[in-house]
Amino acid sequence: MASVDPLEMYRGMLLIRRFEGRAGEMYAYGKIGGFLHLYIGEEAIAVGAIRATRPDDDVIGHYRDHGYALARGLSPRAVMAELYGKATGCCGGRGGSMHLADAKRHFWGGHAIVSGHVPIAVGMAFARQQQGAKTVVLDFFGDGATQHGYWPEALNMASLWRLPVVFICEDNRYGMGTALSRAGAQEDIAKRAVAYDMPGLRVDGMDPVAVHEAVSDAVALARRGDGPSLLVCDTYRLRGHSMADPEAYRHRDEVATWRERDPIIRLAERLKQSKRADDGTLHDIEVGVMRVIDDAVTFAEESPDPSPDTLMQDIYARPVPLEAAFSERR
């Protein structure tokens, strides 16, 4: 199991939390367009899980992806600039909030189609297996993704071929505004792993150390060729599904109960109780994180927009003039 420093985990979670808070603020000011899905409340999963990987392992996730990007080591400057749609963003301003990626860090993005990236993760794991690489793919998705047809097909194939992939379900109780109890006949998603002959485990997704330990074990299993695992992390988003969500489907008492399990507050208390940190240490971390966030916003504000001349760069095929396309069909 990879060693982990709880104090560094605290800083990693706080970085995501403050980044997300500022991103929401900038969205409200009209600085960020499109959709914005915040990771507030779920930080322990990205921080705990990604710290269980090597730099050459692959990470892929869904559209609530800012936390994965920052936990994977992408620059807050590059991520914030991407949210702003600037040329200095990690995808040159072309991906935006829902499609962050960085090939150098083996981070293959946020994907907008619910569950659509799960078979992509399986394909990546198959490619690594065929190449003889001893690497692992981490695939993050929400509980809503498990109700889509891609999901059982992908898990079945991964198990049949004993692929090196760890499926990580962030069970935050809701697929957009639909409660899991109204969408899944088997609410305990971990139990579904039995159908695919792979280990299935529920984890406290509000505890980064517990997540780290569980993912480390699953990564070791996959790396030695013993196939995939399904980890279900119990968590809760403390903000709405997106910035456009009025949250009419959740009772305030439910939200208040989960706020008492805030992963950042809980870890701070554990650090103080174990004498790993005091209030002064935690304050210094907060100040340092806020400097990073302020710098990221300033960088994004001052960065240039993408040039129109680059519009056709980074596409799959060279565009064919409309007249030529029609003439070829005649």
Protein backbone atom coordinates (compact mmCIF):
# COMPACT_ATOMS: atom_id res chain seq x y z
CA MET A 1 0.00 0.00 0.00
CA ALA A 2 1.32 3.45 -0.89
CA SER A 3 2.19 5.61 2.10
CA VAL A 4 -0.08 8.55 2.76
CA ASP A 5 0.23 11.69 4.85
CA PRO A 6 -3.13 12.71 6.39
CA LEU A 7 -1.98 16.32 6.63
CA GLU A 8 -1.24 16.37 2.90
CA MET A 9 -4.65 14.80 2.29
CA TYR A 10 -6.18 17.63 4.30
CA ARG A 11 -4.45 20.19 2.12
CA GLY A 12 -5.55 18.36 -1.04
CA MET A 13 -9.18 18.31 0.05
CA LEU A 14 -9.08 21.95 1.12
CA LEU A 15 -7.60 22.94 -2.24
CA ILE A 16 -10.51 21.29 -4.03
CA ARG A 17 -13.08 22.79 -1.64
CA ARG A 18 -11.78 26.36 -1.99
CA PHE A 19 -11.30 25.98 -5.74
CA GLU A 20 -14.88 24.82 -6.13
CA GLY A 21 -16.21 27.61 -3.94
CA ARG A 22 -14.42 30.23 -6.03
CA ALA A 23 -15.51 28.56 -9.27
CA GLY A 24 -19.13 28.78 -8.12
CA GLU A 25 -18.62 32.46 -7.30
CA MET A 26 -17.09 33.21 -10.70
CA TYR A 27 -19.92 31.33 -12.40
CA ALA A 28 -22.43 33.53 -10.59
CA TYR A 29 -20.54 36.58 -11.87
CA GLY A 30 -20.82 35.30 -15.44
CA LYS A 31 -17.10 34.67 -15.79
CA ILE A 32 -17.63 30.95 -16.40
CA GLY A 33 -20.19 29.74 -18.94
CA GLY A 34 -21.92 26.47 -19.73
CA PHE A 35 -22.58 23.97 -16.96
CA LEU A 36 -20.77 23.80 -13.63
CA HIS A 37 -20.99 20.74 -11.37
CA LEU A 38 -19.24 21.21 -8.02
CA TYR A 39 -17.48 18.45 -6.07
CA ILE A 40 -18.07 20.02 -2.66
CA GLY A 41 -18.57 17.27 -0.05
CA GLU A 42 -16.99 14.48 -2.11
CA GLU A 43 -13.35 15.58 -1.92
CA ALA A 44 -12.22 12.62 0.19
CA ILE A 45 -12.82 10.20 -2.68
CA ALA A 46 -10.64 11.88 -5.30
CA VAL A 47 -7.88 12.66 -2.80
CA GLY A 48 -7.86 9.23 -1.20
CA ALA A 49 -8.20 7.21 -4.38
CA ILE A 50 -5.80 9.00 -6.71
CA ARG A 51 -3.05 8.94 -4.07
CA ALA A 52 -3.20 5.15 -4.33
CA THR A 53 -2.01 5.25 -7.96
CA ARG A 54 1.28 5.67 -9.81
CA PRO A 55 1.88 8.51 -12.30
CA ASP A 56 1.63 6.04 -15.20
CA ASP A 57 -1.75 4.69 -14.09
CA ASP A 58 -4.79 6.03 -15.94
CA VAL A 59 -7.62 8.06 -14.38
CA ILE A 60 -10.96 8.74 -16.07
CA GLY A 61 -14.16 10.20 -14.69
CA HIS A 62 -17.47 11.89 -15.29
CA TYR A 63 -18.38 15.55 -15.66
CA ARG A 64 -18.01 16.47 -11.94
CA ASP A 65 -14.31 16.38 -12.64
CA HIS A 66 -12.51 19.39 -11.11
CA GLY A 67 -11.61 17.37 -7.99
CA TYR A 68 -9.99 14.56 -9.99
CA ALA A 69 -7.97 17.06 -12.03
CA LEU A 70 -6.58 18.82 -8.97
CA ALA A 71 -5.95 15.56 -7.10
CA ARG A 72 -4.09 14.23 -10.15
CA GLY A 73 -1.77 17.22 -10.02
CA LEU A 74 -3.11 19.53 -12.72
CA SER A 75 -2.25 23.15 -12.04
CA PRO A 76 -5.08 25.16 -10.43
CA ARG A 77 -4.11 27.88 -12.91
CA ALA A 78 -4.66 25.60 -15.89
CA VAL A 79 -7.93 24.23 -14.51
CA MET A 80 -9.38 27.65 -13.67
CA ALA A 81 -8.32 29.02 -17.06
CA GLU A 82 -10.09 26.08 -18.70
CA LEU A 83 -13.29 26.92 -16.81
CA TYR A 84 -12.93 30.46 -18.15
CA GLY A 85 -12.48 29.09 -21.68
CA LYS A 86 -9.03 30.62 -22.02
CA ALA A 87 -6.17 29.56 -24.28
CA THR A 88 -4.00 28.80 -21.26
CA GLY A 89 -6.47 26.21 -19.96
CA CYS A 90 -5.48 22.55 -19.74
CA CYS A 91 -7.46 21.89 -22.95
CA GLY A 92 -6.84 25.25 -24.55
CA GLY A 93 -10.26 26.51 -23.53
CA ARG A 94 -12.03 23.86 -25.63
CA GLY A 95 -13.13 21.48 -22.90
CA GLY A 96 -14.53 23.68 -20.19
CA SER A 97 -15.79 22.42 -16.85
CA MET A 98 -17.10 19.06 -18.01
CA HIS A 99 -14.15 17.94 -20.15
CA LEU A 100 -10.91 18.52 -18.28
CA ALA A 101 -8.00 16.32 -19.39
CA ASP A 102 -4.22 16.12 -19.34
CA ALA A 103 -2.57 13.33 -21.35
CA LYS A 104 0.85 13.88 -19.71
CA ARG A 105 -0.68 13.03 -16.34
CA HIS A 106 -2.70 10.11 -17.72
CA PHE A 107 -5.89 11.97 -16.80
CA TRP A 108 -8.39 11.25 -19.54
CA GLY A 109 -11.09 13.58 -18.52
CA GLY A 110 -14.50 14.30 -17.52
CA HIS A 111 -17.17 12.87 -19.82
CA ALA A 112 -20.63 14.36 -20.19
CA ILE A 113 -22.62 11.26 -21.17
CA VAL A 114 -23.69 9.50 -17.98
CA SER A 115 -21.93 6.09 -17.83
CA GLY A 116 -20.57 6.59 -21.35
CA HIS A 117 -16.98 6.67 -20.13
CA VAL A 118 -17.22 3.34 -18.26
CA PRO A 119 -16.68 1.23 -21.42
CA ILE A 120 -13.91 3.65 -22.41
CA ALA A 121 -12.15 2.81 -19.14
CA VAL A 122 -12.53 -0.89 -19.94
CA GLY A 123 -11.07 -0.30 -23.41
CA MET A 124 -8.12 1.52 -21.89
CA ALA A 125 -7.54 -1.33 -19.44
CA PHE A 126 -7.71 -3.84 -22.31
CA ALA A 127 -5.12 -1.82 -24.26
CA ARG A 128 -2.76 -1.69 -21.26
CA GLN A 129 -3.18 -5.43 -20.75
CA GLN A 130 -2.35 -6.15 -24.40
CA GLN A 131 0.70 -3.88 -24.17
CA GLY A 132 1.95 -5.84 -21.17
CA ALA A 133 1.95 -2.74 -18.99
CA LYS A 134 1.55 -3.28 -15.26
CA THR A 135 -0.68 -0.25 -14.94
CA VAL A 136 -4.20 0.21 -13.61
CA VAL A 137 -7.20 2.29 -14.68
CA LEU A 138 -9.29 4.13 -12.08
CA ASP A 139 -12.82 4.78 -13.33
CA PHE A 140 -14.98 7.21 -11.33
CA PHE A 141 -18.76 7.46 -11.80
CA GLY A 142 -21.88 8.31 -9.82
CA ASP A 143 -24.68 6.04 -8.63
CA GLY A 144 -26.85 7.25 -11.50
CA ALA A 145 -24.44 5.70 -13.99
CA THR A 146 -25.16 2.22 -12.67
CA GLN A 147 -28.70 2.36 -14.09
CA HIS A 148 -27.48 2.67 -17.69
CA GLY A 149 -26.89 -0.21 -20.08
CA TYR A 150 -23.24 0.67 -20.67
CA TRP A 151 -22.45 -0.12 -17.04
CA PRO A 152 -23.31 -3.86 -16.77
CA GLU A 153 -21.86 -4.55 -20.20
CA ALA A 154 -18.58 -2.88 -19.27
CA LEU A 155 -18.26 -4.63 -15.91
CA ASN A 156 -19.07 -7.99 -17.49
CA MET A 157 -16.38 -7.56 -20.14
CA ALA A 158 -13.82 -6.34 -17.59
CA SER A 159 -14.37 -9.43 -15.47
CA LEU A 160 -14.35 -11.86 -18.39
CA TRP A 161 -10.94 -10.60 -19.51
CA ARG A 162 -9.60 -9.98 -15.97
CA LEU A 163 -8.79 -6.39 -16.88
CA PRO A 164 -6.78 -4.07 -14.59
CA VAL A 165 -9.53 -1.57 -13.80
CA VAL A 166 -10.92 -0.33 -10.49
CA PHE A 167 -14.53 0.86 -10.72
CA ILE A 168 -15.22 3.58 -8.14
CA CYS A 169 -18.85 4.52 -7.60
CA GLU A 170 -19.49 7.81 -5.80
CA ASP A 171 -22.84 6.98 -4.25
CA ASN A 172 -24.23 10.39 -3.31
CA ARG A 173 -27.83 9.07 -3.17
CA TYR A 174 -29.11 10.97 -6.21
CA GLY A 175 -28.83 10.73 -9.97
CA MET A 176 -29.45 14.43 -10.64
CA GLY A 177 -32.74 14.81 -8.72
CA THR A 178 -33.80 11.15 -8.64
CA ALA A 179 -33.15 9.20 -5.45
CA LEU A 180 -31.36 5.88 -5.90
CA SER A 181 -34.28 4.12 -4.18
CA ARG A 182 -36.52 5.17 -7.08
CA ALA A 183 -34.09 4.14 -9.81
CA GLY A 184 -32.33 0.95 -8.70
CA ALA A 185 -33.99 -2.32 -7.75
CA GLN A 186 -30.86 -3.20 -5.75
CA GLU A 187 -29.89 -0.09 -3.79
CA ASP A 188 -26.68 -1.63 -2.44
CA ILE A 189 -24.61 -1.17 -5.57
CA ALA A 190 -21.67 -3.11 -4.11
CA LYS A 191 -23.82 -6.27 -4.11
CA ARG A 192 -24.15 -6.04 -7.87
CA ALA A 193 -20.48 -7.01 -8.16
CA VAL A 194 -21.51 -10.64 -7.49
CA ALA A 195 -23.14 -10.79 -10.93
CA TYR A 196 -19.76 -10.03 -12.52
CA ASP A 197 -17.63 -12.27 -10.28
CA MET A 198 -15.57 -9.41 -8.89
CA PRO A 199 -15.01 -8.05 -5.37
CA GLY A 200 -17.59 -5.49 -4.26
CA LEU A 201 -16.97 -3.29 -1.23
CA ARG A 202 -18.70 -0.33 0.44
CA VAL A 203 -16.37 2.37 1.75
CA ASP A 204 -16.86 5.49 3.87
CA GLY A 205 -16.48 8.07 1.12
CA MET A 206 -16.23 10.87 3.68
CA ASP A 207 -12.95 9.44 5.01
CA PRO A 208 -9.95 9.87 2.68
CA VAL A 209 -7.83 7.38 4.62
CA ALA A 210 -10.49 4.66 4.34
CA VAL A 211 -10.85 5.36 0.62
CA HIS A 212 -7.09 5.26 0.17
CA GLU A 213 -6.79 1.90 1.91
CA ALA A 214 -9.61 0.32 -0.08
CA VAL A 215 -8.38 1.63 -3.43
CA SER A 216 -4.79 0.62 -2.65
CA ASP A 217 -5.95 -2.98 -2.11
CA ALA A 218 -8.00 -2.97 -5.32
CA VAL A 219 -5.12 -1.45 -7.30
CA ALA A 220 -2.74 -4.13 -6.01
CA LEU A 221 -5.23 -6.82 -7.03
CA ALA A 222 -5.55 -5.40 -10.54
CA ARG A 223 -1.83 -4.80 -10.96
CA ARG A 224 -0.95 -8.43 -10.27
CA GLY A 225 -3.43 -9.61 -12.89
CA ASP A 226 -6.33 -10.67 -10.67
CA GLY A 227 -8.91 -8.49 -12.41
CA PRO A 228 -11.28 -5.65 -11.56
CA SER A 229 -13.02 -4.53 -8.38
CA LEU A 230 -16.09 -2.43 -7.61
CA LEU A 231 -15.77 0.06 -4.75
CA VAL A 232 -18.85 1.99 -3.67
CA CYS A 233 -18.04 5.14 -1.70
CA ASP A 234 -20.84 6.47 0.48
CA THR A 235 -20.78 10.24 0.06
CA TYR A 236 -22.95 13.31 -0.40
CA ARG A 237 -22.71 16.42 -2.50
CA LEU A 238 -23.22 19.38 -0.21
CA ARG A 239 -24.27 21.56 -3.14
CA GLY A 240 -26.82 20.91 -5.84
CA HIS A 241 -26.33 18.69 -8.87
CA SER A 242 -25.19 21.77 -10.77
CA MET A 243 -25.29 25.52 -10.34
CA ALA A 244 -28.73 25.43 -12.00
CA ASP A 245 -30.17 23.03 -9.41
CA PRO A 246 -32.81 24.50 -7.03
CA GLU A 247 -32.49 21.36 -4.83
CA ALA A 248 -36.22 20.98 -4.36
CA TYR A 249 -35.90 17.18 -4.03
CA ARG A 250 -33.74 17.11 -0.87
CA HIS A 251 -34.97 17.91 2.63
CA ARG A 252 -32.91 20.44 4.56
CA ASP A 253 -32.63 18.04 7.52
CA GLU A 254 -30.99 15.45 5.28
CA VAL A 255 -28.45 17.97 4.04
CA ALA A 256 -27.76 19.15 7.60
CA THR A 257 -27.14 15.58 8.75
CA TRP A 258 -24.58 15.00 6.02
CA ARG A 259 -22.90 18.34 6.70
CA GLU A 260 -22.03 16.96 10.11
CA ARG A 261 -19.94 14.36 8.26
CA ASP A 262 -18.04 16.96 6.22
CA PRO A 263 -14.79 15.14 5.33
CA ILE A 264 -12.61 18.21 5.78
CA ILE A 265 -13.94 19.03 9.24
CA ARG A 266 -13.70 15.39 10.33
CA LEU A 267 -10.10 15.05 9.17
CA ALA A 268 -9.16 18.34 10.84
CA GLU A 269 -10.47 17.03 14.15
CA ARG A 270 -8.56 13.77 13.74
CA LEU A 271 -5.36 15.65 12.97
CA LYS A 272 -5.74 17.74 16.11
CA GLN A 273 -6.63 14.78 18.30
CA SER A 274 -3.59 12.84 17.09
CA LYS A 275 -1.35 15.91 17.62
CA ARG A 276 -0.45 15.94 13.91
CA ALA A 277 -1.66 19.52 13.62
CA ASP A 278 -3.04 22.36 15.69
CA ASP A 279 -5.28 25.29 14.80
CA GLY A 280 -2.25 27.34 13.78
CA THR A 281 -1.06 24.68 11.35
CA LEU A 282 -4.49 24.32 9.79
CA HIS A 283 -4.81 28.11 9.50
CA ASP A 284 -1.47 28.29 7.70
CA ILE A 285 -2.65 25.63 5.24
CA GLU A 286 -5.85 27.61 4.64
CA VAL A 287 -3.88 30.80 3.96
CA GLY A 288 -1.56 28.98 1.56
CA VAL A 289 -4.45 27.38 -0.31
CA MET A 290 -6.26 30.70 -0.69
CA ARG A 291 -3.13 32.25 -2.18
CA VAL A 292 -3.08 29.48 -4.78
CA ILE A 293 -6.77 30.02 -5.58
CA ASP A 294 -6.39 33.81 -5.83
CA ASP A 295 -3.44 33.30 -8.15
CA ALA A 296 -5.44 30.88 -10.32
CA VAL A 297 -8.30 33.35 -10.72
CA THR A 298 -5.92 36.20 -11.57
CA PHE A 299 -4.17 33.98 -14.11
CA ALA A 300 -7.48 33.04 -15.74
CA GLU A 301 -8.69 36.65 -15.79
CA GLU A 302 -5.49 37.84 -17.49
CA SER A 303 -5.15 34.95 -19.97
CA PRO A 304 -6.04 35.42 -23.64
CA ASP A 305 -9.04 33.88 -25.37
CA PRO A 306 -8.29 31.15 -27.93
CA SER A 307 -7.53 32.56 -31.34
CA PRO A 308 -10.20 31.93 -34.01
CA ASP A 309 -7.35 30.70 -36.21
CA THR A 310 -7.07 27.61 -34.00
CA LEU A 311 -10.73 26.64 -34.34
CA MET A 312 -9.99 23.56 -36.46
CA GLN A 313 -7.10 22.28 -34.35
CA ASP A 314 -7.36 19.12 -32.28
CA ILE A 315 -10.28 17.56 -34.15
CA TYR A 316 -10.50 13.94 -35.29
CA ALA A 317 -10.62 14.53 -39.04
CA ARG A 318 -9.62 17.28 -41.42
CA PRO A 319 -12.76 19.22 -42.36
CA VAL A 320 -14.05 18.73 -45.90
CA PRO A 321 -15.59 21.77 -47.66
CA LEU A 322 -19.35 21.44 -47.90
CA GLU A 323 -19.34 21.61 -51.70
CA ALA A 324 -16.76 18.84 -51.93
CA ALA A 325 -18.72 16.62 -49.55
CA PHE A 326 -21.83 16.89 -51.71
CA SER A 327 -19.91 16.41 -54.97
CA GLU A 328 -18.39 13.17 -53.63
CA ARG A 329 -21.90 11.78 -53.02
CA ARG A 330 -23.11 12.52 -56.55
